[in-house]
Amino acid sequence: IKVRVVIGVGLLKITSHVHHVLDRLHNQLTWTLDPSKPSDLVQNTGHWLLREEPARPNSTAVYYSATHAHRPTRPPHIP
């Protein structure tokens, strides 16, 4: 599943294109940057993981992990 993700806060807008992979066997959805598309980020990886919660009937634990890295925001001529 390939999607375009746009996050905006005030005047700042970050766009990235990510490729999601669903692993039904392990109840996990992972994503990485789509290298075929331009992105404002240099890294955007992570996963969602679902696990049954044995101590609590009819409950599911949801785990989320993500790593993001962006390009420098200052002009390259400023040290």
PDB file of N, CA and C in Angstrom:
ATOM      1  N   ILE A   1       0.857  -1.157   0.000  1.00  0.00           N
ATOM      2  CA  ILE A   1       0.000   0.000   0.000  1.00  0.00           C
ATOM      3  C   ILE A   1       0.908   1.226   0.000  1.00  0.00           C
ATOM      4  N   LYS A   2       0.842   2.034  -1.037  1.00  0.00           N
ATOM      5  CA  LYS A   2       1.658   3.239  -1.111  1.00  0.00           C
ATOM      6  C   LYS A   2       0.768   4.459  -0.925  1.00  0.00           C
ATOM      7  N   VAL A   3       1.210   5.369  -0.038  1.00  0.00           N
ATOM      8  CA  VAL A   3       0.417   6.558   0.254  1.00  0.00           C
ATOM      9  C   VAL A   3       1.306   7.792   0.356  1.00  0.00           C
ATOM     10  N   ARG A   4       0.696   8.929   0.139  1.00  0.00           N
ATOM     11  CA  ARG A   4       1.348  10.225   0.337  1.00  0.00           C
ATOM     12  C   ARG A   4       0.879  10.739   1.692  1.00  0.00           C
ATOM     13  N   VAL A   5       1.818  11.133   2.538  1.00  0.00           N
ATOM     14  CA  VAL A   5       1.504  11.627   3.874  1.00  0.00           C
ATOM     15  C   VAL A   5       1.935  13.081   3.955  1.00  0.00           C
ATOM     16  N   VAL A   6       1.006  13.962   4.348  1.00  0.00           N
ATOM     17  CA  VAL A   6       1.311  15.381   4.511  1.00  0.00           C
ATOM     18  C   VAL A   6       0.964  15.765   5.939  1.00  0.00           C
ATOM     19  N   ILE A   7       1.950  16.317   6.650  1.00  0.00           N
ATOM     20  CA  ILE A   7       1.755  16.760   8.019  1.00  0.00           C
ATOM     21  C   ILE A   7       2.014  18.258   8.050  1.00  0.00           C
ATOM     22  N   GLY A   8       1.082  19.019   8.566  1.00  0.00           N
ATOM     23  CA  GLY A   8       1.239  20.468   8.616  1.00  0.00           C
ATOM     24  C   GLY A   8       1.031  21.009  10.008  1.00  0.00           C
ATOM     25  N   VAL A   9       1.918  21.915  10.408  1.00  0.00           N
ATOM     26  CA  VAL A   9       1.797  22.608  11.682  1.00  0.00           C
ATOM     27  C   VAL A   9       2.141  24.066  11.414  1.00  0.00           C
ATOM     28  N   GLY A  10       1.181  24.942  11.547  1.00  0.00           N
ATOM     29  CA  GLY A  10       1.423  26.350  11.244  1.00  0.00           C
ATOM     30  C   GLY A  10       1.842  26.513   9.794  1.00  0.00           C
ATOM     31  N   LEU A  11       2.959  27.184   9.581  1.00  0.00           N
ATOM     32  CA  LEU A  11       3.466  27.383   8.225  1.00  0.00           C
ATOM     33  C   LEU A  11       4.319  26.222   7.733  1.00  0.00           C
ATOM     34  N   LEU A  12       4.625  25.274   8.600  1.00  0.00           N
ATOM     35  CA  LEU A  12       5.468  24.137   8.239  1.00  0.00           C
ATOM     36  C   LEU A  12       4.627  23.016   7.635  1.00  0.00           C
ATOM     37  N   LYS A  13       5.054  22.497   6.499  1.00  0.00           N
ATOM     38  CA  LYS A  13       4.373  21.364   5.865  1.00  0.00           C
ATOM     39  C   LYS A  13       5.432  20.351   5.460  1.00  0.00           C
ATOM     40  N   ILE A  14       5.268  19.108   5.875  1.00  0.00           N
ATOM     41  CA  ILE A  14       6.195  18.029   5.546  1.00  0.00           C
ATOM     42  C   ILE A  14       5.438  16.983   4.743  1.00  0.00           C
ATOM     43  N   THR A  15       5.988  16.646   3.588  1.00  0.00           N
ATOM     44  CA  THR A  15       5.373  15.641   2.719  1.00  0.00           C
ATOM     45  C   THR A  15       6.321  14.464   2.570  1.00  0.00           C
ATOM     46  N   SER A  16       5.773  13.267   2.685  1.00  0.00           N
ATOM     47  CA  SER A  16       6.568  12.063   2.426  1.00  0.00           C
ATOM     48  C   SER A  16       5.673  11.032   1.739  1.00  0.00           C
ATOM     49  N   HIS A  17       6.289  10.127   1.044  1.00  0.00           N
ATOM     50  CA  HIS A  17       5.591   9.019   0.395  1.00  0.00           C
ATOM     51  C   HIS A  17       6.098   7.740   1.047  1.00  0.00           C
ATOM     52  N   VAL A  18       5.173   6.954   1.564  1.00  0.00           N
ATOM     53  CA  VAL A  18       5.577   5.743   2.276  1.00  0.00           C
ATOM     54  C   VAL A  18       4.933   4.504   1.660  1.00  0.00           C
ATOM     55  N   HIS A  19       5.623   3.403   1.844  1.00  0.00           N
ATOM     56  CA  HIS A  19       5.171   2.101   1.353  1.00  0.00           C
ATOM     57  C   HIS A  19       4.858   1.242   2.570  1.00  0.00           C
ATOM     58  N   HIS A  20       3.589   0.851   2.717  1.00  0.00           N
ATOM     59  CA  HIS A  20       3.148   0.012   3.830  1.00  0.00           C
ATOM     60  C   HIS A  20       3.114  -1.450   3.391  1.00  0.00           C
ATOM     61  N   VAL A  21       3.504  -2.333   4.308  1.00  0.00           N
ATOM     62  CA  VAL A  21       3.436  -3.772   4.058  1.00  0.00           C
ATOM     63  C   VAL A  21       2.679  -4.415   5.218  1.00  0.00           C
ATOM     64  N   LEU A  22       1.598  -5.121   4.903  1.00  0.00           N
ATOM     65  CA  LEU A  22       0.790  -5.793   5.916  1.00  0.00           C
ATOM     66  C   LEU A  22       1.248  -7.245   6.052  1.00  0.00           C
ATOM     67  N   ASP A  23       1.580  -7.644   7.268  1.00  0.00           N
ATOM     68  CA  ASP A  23       1.974  -9.018   7.578  1.00  0.00           C
ATOM     69  C   ASP A  23       0.885  -9.607   8.466  1.00  0.00           C
ATOM     70  N   ARG A  24      -0.071 -10.273   7.852  1.00  0.00           N
ATOM     71  CA  ARG A  24      -1.210 -10.818   8.602  1.00  0.00           C
ATOM     72  C   ARG A  24      -0.785 -11.927   9.559  1.00  0.00           C
ATOM     73  N   LEU A  25       0.236 -12.690   9.204  1.00  0.00           N
ATOM     74  CA  LEU A  25       0.701 -13.778  10.062  1.00  0.00           C
ATOM     75  C   LEU A  25       1.154 -13.252  11.424  1.00  0.00           C
ATOM     76  N   HIS A  26       1.809 -12.100  11.436  1.00  0.00           N
ATOM     77  CA  HIS A  26       2.334 -11.529  12.680  1.00  0.00           C
ATOM     78  C   HIS A  26       1.520 -10.323  13.181  1.00  0.00           C
ATOM     79  N   ASN A  27       0.365 -10.062  12.556  1.00  0.00           N
ATOM     80  CA  ASN A  27      -0.495  -8.929  12.950  1.00  0.00           C
ATOM     81  C   ASN A  27       0.291  -7.629  13.010  1.00  0.00           C
ATOM     82  N   GLN A  28       1.025  -7.362  11.945  1.00  0.00           N
ATOM     83  CA  GLN A  28       1.910  -6.204  11.924  1.00  0.00           C
ATOM     84  C   GLN A  28       1.806  -5.460  10.602  1.00  0.00           C
ATOM     85  N   LEU A  29       1.841  -4.130  10.684  1.00  0.00           N
ATOM     86  CA  LEU A  29       1.881  -3.269   9.511  1.00  0.00           C
ATOM     87  C   LEU A  29       3.160  -2.440   9.617  1.00  0.00           C
ATOM     88  N   THR A  30       4.037  -2.563   8.633  1.00  0.00           N
ATOM     89  CA  THR A  30       5.290  -1.807   8.638  1.00  0.00           C
ATOM     90  C   THR A  30       5.281  -0.808   7.497  1.00  0.00           C
ATOM     91  N   TRP A  31       6.136   0.225   7.614  1.00  0.00           N
ATOM     92  CA  TRP A  31       6.263   1.191   6.523  1.00  0.00           C
ATOM     93  C   TRP A  31       7.691   1.706   6.430  1.00  0.00           C
ATOM     94  N   THR A  32       8.044   2.113   5.211  1.00  0.00           N
ATOM     95  CA  THR A  32       9.321   2.746   4.912  1.00  0.00           C
ATOM     96  C   THR A  32       9.065   3.812   3.856  1.00  0.00           C
ATOM     97  N   LEU A  33      10.037   4.697   3.679  1.00  0.00           N
ATOM     98  CA  LEU A  33       9.913   5.683   2.601  1.00  0.00           C
ATOM     99  C   LEU A  33       9.870   4.979   1.261  1.00  0.00           C
ATOM    100  N   ASP A  34       9.073   5.489   0.354  1.00  0.00           N
ATOM    101  CA  ASP A  34       9.022   4.979  -1.013  1.00  0.00           C
ATOM    102  C   ASP A  34      10.167   5.650  -1.782  1.00  0.00           C
ATOM    103  N   PRO A  35      11.204   4.891  -2.149  1.00  0.00           N
ATOM    104  CA  PRO A  35      12.359   5.508  -2.811  1.00  0.00           C
ATOM    105  C   PRO A  35      12.068   6.033  -4.217  1.00  0.00           C
ATOM    106  N   SER A  36      10.933   5.658  -4.780  1.00  0.00           N
ATOM    107  CA  SER A  36      10.604   6.110  -6.138  1.00  0.00           C
ATOM    108  C   SER A  36       9.928   7.478  -6.151  1.00  0.00           C
ATOM    109  N   LYS A  37       9.644   8.049  -4.973  1.00  0.00           N
ATOM    110  CA  LYS A  37       8.954   9.338  -4.884  1.00  0.00           C
ATOM    111  C   LYS A  37       9.785  10.327  -4.066  1.00  0.00           C
ATOM    112  N   PRO A  38       9.627  11.632  -4.330  1.00  0.00           N
ATOM    113  CA  PRO A  38      10.343  12.630  -3.535  1.00  0.00           C
ATOM    114  C   PRO A  38       9.766  12.723  -2.118  1.00  0.00           C
ATOM    115  N   SER A  39      10.610  13.118  -1.177  1.00  0.00           N
ATOM    116  CA  SER A  39      10.168  13.230   0.207  1.00  0.00           C
ATOM    117  C   SER A  39      10.935  14.340   0.910  1.00  0.00           C
ATOM    118  N   ASP A  40      10.257  15.017   1.846  1.00  0.00           N
ATOM    119  CA  ASP A  40      10.919  16.011   2.682  1.00  0.00           C
ATOM    120  C   ASP A  40      11.710  15.347   3.807  1.00  0.00           C
ATOM    121  N   LEU A  41      11.460  14.078   4.050  1.00  0.00           N
ATOM    122  CA  LEU A  41      12.164  13.336   5.087  1.00  0.00           C
ATOM    123  C   LEU A  41      13.264  12.480   4.477  1.00  0.00           C
ATOM    124  N   VAL A  42      14.306  12.227   5.251  1.00  0.00           N
ATOM    125  CA  VAL A  42      15.351  11.309   4.790  1.00  0.00           C
ATOM    126  C   VAL A  42      15.130   9.919   5.376  1.00  0.00           C
ATOM    127  N   GLN A  43      14.273   9.850   6.419  1.00  0.00           N
ATOM    128  CA  GLN A  43      13.915   8.559   6.996  1.00  0.00           C
ATOM    129  C   GLN A  43      12.510   8.636   7.558  1.00  0.00           C
ATOM    130  N   ASN A  44      11.723   7.610   7.305  1.00  0.00           N
ATOM    131  CA  ASN A  44      10.388   7.475   7.866  1.00  0.00           C
ATOM    132  C   ASN A  44      10.071   5.990   7.864  1.00  0.00           C
ATOM    133  N   THR A  45      10.345   5.342   8.977  1.00  0.00           N
ATOM    134  CA  THR A  45      10.101   3.907   9.098  1.00  0.00           C
ATOM    135  C   THR A  45       9.348   3.639  10.394  1.00  0.00           C
ATOM    136  N   GLY A  46       8.629   2.528  10.425  1.00  0.00           N
ATOM    137  CA  GLY A  46       7.951   2.173  11.661  1.00  0.00           C
ATOM    138  C   GLY A  46       7.019   0.997  11.493  1.00  0.00           C
ATOM    139  N   HIS A  47       6.269   0.732  12.564  1.00  0.00           N
ATOM    140  CA  HIS A  47       5.313  -0.368  12.518  1.00  0.00           C
ATOM    141  C   HIS A  47       4.211  -0.204  13.550  1.00  0.00           C
ATOM    142  N   TRP A  48       3.086  -0.821  13.236  1.00  0.00           N
ATOM    143  CA  TRP A  48       1.987  -1.053  14.165  1.00  0.00           C
ATOM    144  C   TRP A  48       1.980  -2.550  14.428  1.00  0.00           C
ATOM    145  N   LEU A  49       1.802  -2.945  15.672  1.00  0.00           N
ATOM    146  CA  LEU A  49       1.788  -4.356  16.035  1.00  0.00           C
ATOM    147  C   LEU A  49       0.614  -4.607  16.971  1.00  0.00           C
ATOM    148  N   LEU A  50      -0.188  -5.625  16.688  1.00  0.00           N
ATOM    149  CA  LEU A  50      -1.346  -5.972  17.513  1.00  0.00           C
ATOM    150  C   LEU A  50      -1.112  -7.315  18.177  1.00  0.00           C
ATOM    151  N   ARG A  51      -1.354  -7.390  19.492  1.00  0.00           N
ATOM    152  CA  ARG A  51      -1.203  -8.634  20.246  1.00  0.00           C
ATOM    153  C   ARG A  51      -2.400  -8.807  21.167  1.00  0.00           C
ATOM    154  N   GLU A  52      -2.880 -10.060  21.249  1.00  0.00           N
ATOM    155  CA  GLU A  52      -3.937 -10.349  22.217  1.00  0.00           C
ATOM    156  C   GLU A  52      -3.378 -10.119  23.615  1.00  0.00           C
ATOM    157  N   GLU A  53      -4.238  -9.675  24.511  1.00  0.00           N
ATOM    158  CA  GLU A  53      -3.844  -9.393  25.887  1.00  0.00           C
ATOM    159  C   GLU A  53      -4.399 -10.516  26.758  1.00  0.00           C
ATOM    160  N   PRO A  54      -3.589 -11.570  27.027  1.00  0.00           N
ATOM    161  CA  PRO A  54      -4.114 -12.743  27.740  1.00  0.00           C
ATOM    162  C   PRO A  54      -4.660 -12.432  29.136  1.00  0.00           C
ATOM    163  N   ALA A  55      -4.098 -11.446  29.803  1.00  0.00           N
ATOM    164  CA  ALA A  55      -4.559 -11.117  31.163  1.00  0.00           C
ATOM    165  C   ALA A  55      -5.905 -10.408  31.163  1.00  0.00           C
ATOM    166  N   ARG A  56      -6.310  -9.887  29.994  1.00  0.00           N
ATOM    167  CA  ARG A  56      -7.581  -9.156  29.903  1.00  0.00           C
ATOM    168  C   ARG A  56      -8.396  -9.718  28.740  1.00  0.00           C
ATOM    169  N   PRO A  57      -9.386 -10.548  29.012  1.00  0.00           N
ATOM    170  CA  PRO A  57     -10.196 -11.132  27.935  1.00  0.00           C
ATOM    171  C   PRO A  57     -10.794 -10.059  27.024  1.00  0.00           C
ATOM    172  N   ASN A  58     -10.879 -10.374  25.755  1.00  0.00           N
ATOM    173  CA  ASN A  58     -11.441  -9.477  24.734  1.00  0.00           C
ATOM    174  C   ASN A  58     -10.679  -8.166  24.611  1.00  0.00           C
ATOM    175  N   SER A  59      -9.383  -8.190  24.912  1.00  0.00           N
ATOM    176  CA  SER A  59      -8.555  -6.987  24.819  1.00  0.00           C
ATOM    177  C   SER A  59      -7.387  -7.229  23.878  1.00  0.00           C
ATOM    178  N   THR A  60      -6.940  -6.157  23.254  1.00  0.00           N
ATOM    179  CA  THR A  60      -5.801  -6.208  22.349  1.00  0.00           C
ATOM    180  C   THR A  60      -4.825  -5.104  22.722  1.00  0.00           C
ATOM    181  N   ALA A  61      -3.552  -5.445  22.782  1.00  0.00           N
ATOM    182  CA  ALA A  61      -2.505  -4.446  23.005  1.00  0.00           C
ATOM    183  C   ALA A  61      -2.050  -3.940  21.640  1.00  0.00           C
ATOM    184  N   VAL A  62      -1.901  -2.625  21.516  1.00  0.00           N
ATOM    185  CA  VAL A  62      -1.471  -2.006  20.269  1.00  0.00           C
ATOM    186  C   VAL A  62      -0.120  -1.344  20.520  1.00  0.00           C
ATOM    187  N   TYR A  63       0.882  -1.735  19.724  1.00  0.00           N
ATOM    188  CA  TYR A  63       2.219  -1.170  19.833  1.00  0.00           C
ATOM    189  C   TYR A  63       2.513  -0.353  18.576  1.00  0.00           C
ATOM    190  N   TYR A  64       3.145   0.785  18.766  1.00  0.00           N
ATOM    191  CA  TYR A  64       3.490   1.676  17.656  1.00  0.00           C
ATOM    192  C   TYR A  64       4.928   2.113  17.846  1.00  0.00           C
ATOM    193  N   SER A  65       5.683   2.064  16.770  1.00  0.00           N
ATOM    194  CA  SER A  65       7.065   2.535  16.815  1.00  0.00           C
ATOM    195  C   SER A  65       7.371   3.229  15.494  1.00  0.00           C
ATOM    196  N   ALA A  66       8.054   4.376  15.564  1.00  0.00           N
ATOM    197  CA  ALA A  66       8.387   5.104  14.342  1.00  0.00           C
ATOM    198  C   ALA A  66       9.708   5.838  14.526  1.00  0.00           C
ATOM    199  N   THR A  67      10.416   5.969  13.420  1.00  0.00           N
ATOM    200  CA  THR A  67      11.660   6.732  13.378  1.00  0.00           C
ATOM    201  C   THR A  67      11.562   7.691  12.203  1.00  0.00           C
ATOM    202  N   HIS A  68      11.823   8.954  12.472  1.00  0.00           N
ATOM    203  CA  HIS A  68      11.756   9.981  11.436  1.00  0.00           C
ATOM    204  C   HIS A  68      13.039  10.798  11.471  1.00  0.00           C
ATOM    205  N   ALA A  69      13.516  11.180  10.323  1.00  0.00           N
ATOM    206  CA  ALA A  69      14.656  12.096  10.222  1.00  0.00           C
ATOM    207  C   ALA A  69      14.359  13.049   9.075  1.00  0.00           C
ATOM    208  N   HIS A  70      14.603  14.334   9.310  1.00  0.00           N
ATOM    209  CA  HIS A  70      14.305  15.320   8.277  1.00  0.00           C
ATOM    210  C   HIS A  70      15.589  15.951   7.758  1.00  0.00           C
ATOM    211  N   ARG A  71      15.462  16.601   6.666  1.00  0.00           N
ATOM    212  CA  ARG A  71      16.589  17.315   6.071  1.00  0.00           C
ATOM    213  C   ARG A  71      16.884  18.558   6.920  1.00  0.00           C
ATOM    214  N   PRO A  72      18.119  19.054   6.886  1.00  0.00           N
ATOM    215  CA  PRO A  72      18.427  20.280   7.638  1.00  0.00           C
ATOM    216  C   PRO A  72      17.496  21.416   7.213  1.00  0.00           C
ATOM    217  N   THR A  73      17.064  22.215   8.177  1.00  0.00           N
ATOM    218  CA  THR A  73      16.130  23.304   7.871  1.00  0.00           C
ATOM    219  C   THR A  73      16.836  24.641   7.655  1.00  0.00           C
ATOM    220  N   ARG A  74      18.104  24.722   7.974  1.00  0.00           N
ATOM    221  CA  ARG A  74      18.822  25.978   7.764  1.00  0.00           C
ATOM    222  C   ARG A  74      19.470  25.977   6.385  1.00  0.00           C
ATOM    223  N   PRO A  75      19.682  27.122   5.829  1.00  0.00           N
ATOM    224  CA  PRO A  75      20.377  27.190   4.531  1.00  0.00           C
ATOM    225  C   PRO A  75      21.782  26.587   4.634  1.00  0.00           C
ATOM    226  N   PRO A  76      22.232  25.904   3.597  1.00  0.00           N
ATOM    227  CA  PRO A  76      23.518  25.199   3.677  1.00  0.00           C
ATOM    228  C   PRO A  76      24.711  26.128   3.884  1.00  0.00           C
ATOM    229  N   HIS A  77      24.603  27.424   3.570  1.00  0.00           N
ATOM    230  CA  HIS A  77      25.742  28.335   3.721  1.00  0.00           C
ATOM    231  C   HIS A  77      25.912  28.841   5.162  1.00  0.00           C
ATOM    232  N   ILE A  78      24.971  28.504   6.061  1.00  0.00           N
ATOM    233  CA  ILE A  78      25.065  28.910   7.468  1.00  0.00           C
ATOM    234  C   ILE A  78      25.634  27.733   8.260  1.00  0.00           C
ATOM    235  N   PRO A  79      26.789  27.931   8.937  1.00  0.00           N
ATOM    236  CA  PRO A  79      27.407  26.802   9.681  1.00  0.00           C
ATOM    237  C   PRO A  79      26.612  26.381  10.894  1.00  0.00           C
TER     238      PRO A  79
END
